[in-house]
N, C-alpha and C. Protein backbone atom coordinates (compact mmCIF):
# COMPACT_ATOMS: atom_id res chain seq x y z
N MET A 1 16.91 -67.93 -34.28
CA MET A 1 16.69 -69.36 -34.36
C MET A 1 18.02 -70.08 -34.09
N ARG A 2 17.99 -71.04 -33.19
CA ARG A 2 19.20 -71.78 -32.85
C ARG A 2 19.23 -73.10 -33.60
N LEU A 3 20.43 -73.51 -33.95
CA LEU A 3 20.61 -74.80 -34.61
C LEU A 3 20.45 -75.93 -33.60
N LYS A 4 19.97 -77.05 -34.06
CA LYS A 4 19.90 -78.25 -33.22
C LYS A 4 21.33 -78.76 -33.02
N THR A 5 21.67 -79.01 -31.78
CA THR A 5 23.02 -79.51 -31.46
C THR A 5 22.90 -80.66 -30.47
N LEU A 6 23.99 -81.36 -30.30
CA LEU A 6 24.04 -82.42 -29.30
C LEU A 6 24.22 -81.83 -27.91
N GLU A 7 23.67 -82.49 -26.93
CA GLU A 7 23.88 -82.09 -25.55
C GLU A 7 25.23 -82.61 -25.09
N VAL A 8 26.00 -81.75 -24.43
CA VAL A 8 27.31 -82.11 -23.92
C VAL A 8 27.35 -81.74 -22.44
N LYS A 9 27.91 -82.62 -21.63
CA LYS A 9 28.05 -82.34 -20.20
C LYS A 9 29.52 -82.14 -19.89
N ILE A 10 29.83 -80.99 -19.28
CA ILE A 10 31.18 -80.68 -18.83
C ILE A 10 31.07 -80.42 -17.34
N GLY A 11 31.58 -81.33 -16.53
CA GLY A 11 31.35 -81.23 -15.09
C GLY A 11 29.86 -81.38 -14.84
N ASP A 12 29.27 -80.43 -14.13
CA ASP A 12 27.83 -80.42 -13.90
C ASP A 12 27.10 -79.52 -14.89
N LEU A 13 27.82 -78.94 -15.84
CA LEU A 13 27.28 -77.97 -16.78
C LEU A 13 26.83 -78.65 -18.06
N LEU A 14 25.59 -78.37 -18.48
CA LEU A 14 25.08 -78.91 -19.73
C LEU A 14 25.13 -77.83 -20.80
N LEU A 15 25.60 -78.21 -21.99
CA LEU A 15 25.71 -77.30 -23.13
C LEU A 15 24.95 -77.88 -24.31
N GLY A 16 24.50 -77.01 -25.21
CA GLY A 16 23.85 -77.46 -26.44
C GLY A 16 22.44 -77.95 -26.21
N ASN A 17 21.79 -78.40 -27.30
CA ASN A 17 20.46 -79.01 -27.28
C ASN A 17 19.44 -78.19 -26.50
N GLY A 18 19.41 -76.88 -26.72
CA GLY A 18 18.41 -76.04 -26.09
C GLY A 18 18.78 -75.49 -24.73
N HIS A 19 19.91 -75.90 -24.17
CA HIS A 19 20.36 -75.33 -22.89
C HIS A 19 20.79 -73.89 -23.13
N PRO A 20 20.81 -73.07 -22.08
CA PRO A 20 21.20 -71.67 -22.26
C PRO A 20 22.62 -71.54 -22.82
N ILE A 21 22.85 -70.45 -23.52
CA ILE A 21 24.20 -70.13 -23.98
C ILE A 21 25.03 -69.84 -22.74
N ARG A 22 26.21 -70.40 -22.67
CA ARG A 22 27.04 -70.29 -21.47
C ARG A 22 28.12 -69.22 -21.62
N VAL A 23 28.44 -68.56 -20.51
CA VAL A 23 29.52 -67.58 -20.47
C VAL A 23 30.80 -68.33 -20.17
N GLN A 24 31.78 -68.19 -21.07
CA GLN A 24 33.06 -68.86 -20.86
C GLN A 24 34.19 -67.89 -21.10
N THR A 25 35.34 -68.23 -20.60
CA THR A 25 36.53 -67.41 -20.80
C THR A 25 37.75 -68.33 -20.79
N MET A 26 38.90 -67.73 -21.03
CA MET A 26 40.16 -68.48 -21.03
C MET A 26 41.18 -67.70 -20.22
N THR A 27 41.94 -68.39 -19.41
CA THR A 27 42.96 -67.72 -18.61
C THR A 27 44.10 -67.23 -19.51
N THR A 28 44.80 -66.22 -19.02
CA THR A 28 45.95 -65.69 -19.75
C THR A 28 47.25 -65.90 -18.96
N THR A 29 47.16 -66.61 -17.86
CA THR A 29 48.33 -66.85 -17.02
C THR A 29 49.16 -68.01 -17.56
N ASP A 30 50.37 -68.12 -17.08
CA ASP A 30 51.22 -69.27 -17.37
C ASP A 30 50.62 -70.47 -16.64
N THR A 31 50.26 -71.50 -17.35
CA THR A 31 49.60 -72.66 -16.76
C THR A 31 50.47 -73.33 -15.70
N MET A 32 51.78 -73.15 -15.77
CA MET A 32 52.66 -73.72 -14.76
C MET A 32 52.64 -72.92 -13.46
N ASP A 33 52.07 -71.71 -13.50
CA ASP A 33 51.93 -70.89 -12.29
C ASP A 33 50.56 -71.20 -11.69
N THR A 34 50.53 -72.22 -10.87
CA THR A 34 49.27 -72.73 -10.32
C THR A 34 48.47 -71.66 -9.60
N ILE A 35 49.11 -70.94 -8.69
CA ILE A 35 48.39 -69.97 -7.87
C ILE A 35 47.84 -68.83 -8.73
N ALA A 36 48.63 -68.31 -9.66
CA ALA A 36 48.15 -67.22 -10.53
C ALA A 36 46.97 -67.69 -11.37
N THR A 37 47.03 -68.91 -11.87
CA THR A 37 45.95 -69.44 -12.69
C THR A 37 44.70 -69.66 -11.85
N VAL A 38 44.86 -70.17 -10.65
CA VAL A 38 43.72 -70.36 -9.74
C VAL A 38 43.09 -69.01 -9.40
N GLU A 39 43.90 -68.04 -9.06
CA GLU A 39 43.36 -66.73 -8.67
C GLU A 39 42.66 -66.04 -9.84
N GLN A 40 43.23 -66.15 -11.05
CA GLN A 40 42.56 -65.56 -12.21
C GLN A 40 41.25 -66.30 -12.49
N SER A 41 41.25 -67.60 -12.35
CA SER A 41 40.03 -68.39 -12.56
C SER A 41 38.95 -67.97 -11.57
N ILE A 42 39.31 -67.77 -10.32
CA ILE A 42 38.34 -67.35 -9.31
C ILE A 42 37.77 -65.98 -9.65
N ARG A 43 38.61 -65.05 -10.09
CA ARG A 43 38.11 -63.73 -10.48
C ARG A 43 37.10 -63.86 -11.62
N CYS A 44 37.39 -64.73 -12.58
CA CYS A 44 36.48 -64.94 -13.72
C CYS A 44 35.17 -65.56 -13.25
N ILE A 45 35.24 -66.54 -12.37
CA ILE A 45 34.04 -67.19 -11.84
C ILE A 45 33.18 -66.17 -11.11
N GLU A 46 33.82 -65.37 -10.27
CA GLU A 46 33.07 -64.38 -9.49
C GLU A 46 32.49 -63.28 -10.38
N ALA A 47 33.05 -63.10 -11.58
CA ALA A 47 32.52 -62.13 -12.55
C ALA A 47 31.41 -62.73 -13.41
N GLY A 48 31.15 -64.04 -13.25
CA GLY A 48 30.04 -64.66 -13.96
C GLY A 48 30.39 -65.74 -14.96
N ALA A 49 31.66 -66.06 -15.13
CA ALA A 49 32.04 -67.12 -16.07
C ALA A 49 31.53 -68.47 -15.56
N GLU A 50 30.95 -69.25 -16.46
CA GLU A 50 30.43 -70.57 -16.11
C GLU A 50 31.38 -71.69 -16.54
N LEU A 51 32.35 -71.35 -17.37
CA LEU A 51 33.29 -72.33 -17.91
C LEU A 51 34.62 -71.63 -18.09
N ILE A 52 35.68 -72.20 -17.53
CA ILE A 52 37.02 -71.62 -17.63
C ILE A 52 37.88 -72.55 -18.47
N ARG A 53 38.50 -71.99 -19.51
CA ARG A 53 39.42 -72.78 -20.34
C ARG A 53 40.85 -72.40 -19.96
N ILE A 54 41.70 -73.39 -19.84
CA ILE A 54 43.10 -73.19 -19.48
C ILE A 54 43.95 -73.92 -20.51
N THR A 55 44.91 -73.21 -21.09
CA THR A 55 45.75 -73.81 -22.13
C THR A 55 46.73 -74.81 -21.53
N ALA A 56 46.98 -75.88 -22.27
CA ALA A 56 47.94 -76.90 -21.85
C ALA A 56 48.69 -77.39 -23.09
N PRO A 57 49.63 -76.56 -23.60
CA PRO A 57 50.30 -76.91 -24.85
C PRO A 57 51.33 -78.03 -24.76
N SER A 58 51.73 -78.38 -23.55
CA SER A 58 52.70 -79.47 -23.42
C SER A 58 52.27 -80.42 -22.31
N LYS A 59 52.98 -81.51 -22.19
CA LYS A 59 52.67 -82.51 -21.17
C LYS A 59 52.78 -81.92 -19.76
N ASN A 60 53.78 -81.06 -19.54
CA ASN A 60 53.95 -80.46 -18.22
C ASN A 60 52.73 -79.64 -17.82
N GLU A 61 52.24 -78.80 -18.75
CA GLU A 61 51.06 -78.00 -18.46
C GLU A 61 49.84 -78.89 -18.23
N ALA A 62 49.71 -79.91 -19.06
CA ALA A 62 48.57 -80.83 -18.92
C ALA A 62 48.60 -81.50 -17.54
N GLU A 63 49.77 -81.90 -17.10
CA GLU A 63 49.89 -82.54 -15.79
C GLU A 63 49.58 -81.55 -14.66
N ASN A 64 49.90 -80.27 -14.86
CA ASN A 64 49.65 -79.27 -13.81
C ASN A 64 48.18 -78.90 -13.70
N LEU A 65 47.37 -79.26 -14.69
CA LEU A 65 45.93 -78.97 -14.61
C LEU A 65 45.31 -79.63 -13.37
N LEU A 66 45.81 -80.79 -12.99
CA LEU A 66 45.29 -81.46 -11.79
C LEU A 66 45.57 -80.62 -10.54
N ASN A 67 46.76 -80.02 -10.46
CA ASN A 67 47.07 -79.16 -9.31
C ASN A 67 46.14 -77.95 -9.27
N ILE A 68 45.88 -77.37 -10.45
CA ILE A 68 44.98 -76.22 -10.53
C ILE A 68 43.57 -76.63 -10.10
N LYS A 69 43.10 -77.73 -10.62
CA LYS A 69 41.76 -78.23 -10.26
C LYS A 69 41.67 -78.48 -8.76
N ASN A 70 42.66 -79.16 -8.20
CA ASN A 70 42.64 -79.48 -6.77
C ASN A 70 42.62 -78.22 -5.91
N GLU A 71 43.38 -77.20 -6.31
CA GLU A 71 43.41 -75.96 -5.54
C GLU A 71 42.08 -75.22 -5.64
N LEU A 72 41.48 -75.21 -6.83
CA LEU A 72 40.16 -74.59 -6.98
C LEU A 72 39.14 -75.31 -6.10
N ARG A 73 39.15 -76.63 -6.10
CA ARG A 73 38.22 -77.40 -5.28
C ARG A 73 38.47 -77.15 -3.79
N ARG A 74 39.74 -77.07 -3.41
CA ARG A 74 40.09 -76.81 -2.01
C ARG A 74 39.52 -75.47 -1.55
N ARG A 75 39.47 -74.50 -2.48
CA ARG A 75 38.94 -73.17 -2.16
C ARG A 75 37.42 -73.09 -2.33
N GLY A 76 36.80 -74.20 -2.71
CA GLY A 76 35.35 -74.24 -2.78
C GLY A 76 34.74 -73.92 -4.13
N TYR A 77 35.53 -73.97 -5.20
CA TYR A 77 35.03 -73.69 -6.55
C TYR A 77 35.00 -74.98 -7.35
N ASN A 78 33.88 -75.23 -8.04
CA ASN A 78 33.78 -76.44 -8.86
C ASN A 78 33.39 -76.13 -10.30
N THR A 79 33.59 -74.89 -10.72
CA THR A 79 33.31 -74.51 -12.11
C THR A 79 34.23 -75.28 -13.04
N PRO A 80 33.67 -75.88 -14.10
CA PRO A 80 34.54 -76.62 -15.04
C PRO A 80 35.40 -75.68 -15.86
């Protein structure tokens, strides 16, 4: 039995409120290493991950998330 939860939209992905349980993972690369993070994210997506979490402990990492996102989109991936 699943608990009633609120529906949340992350990108095009819907979570909660009866939607399927989603496969997610988190990268282990240095967030400042854009290419390594992008490549690890792609491997995870191709293995079935529907949601990729990337750590951003400082302002620099948070700002680099845009570079990571742009490179993933450039390569044709839109997984949140």
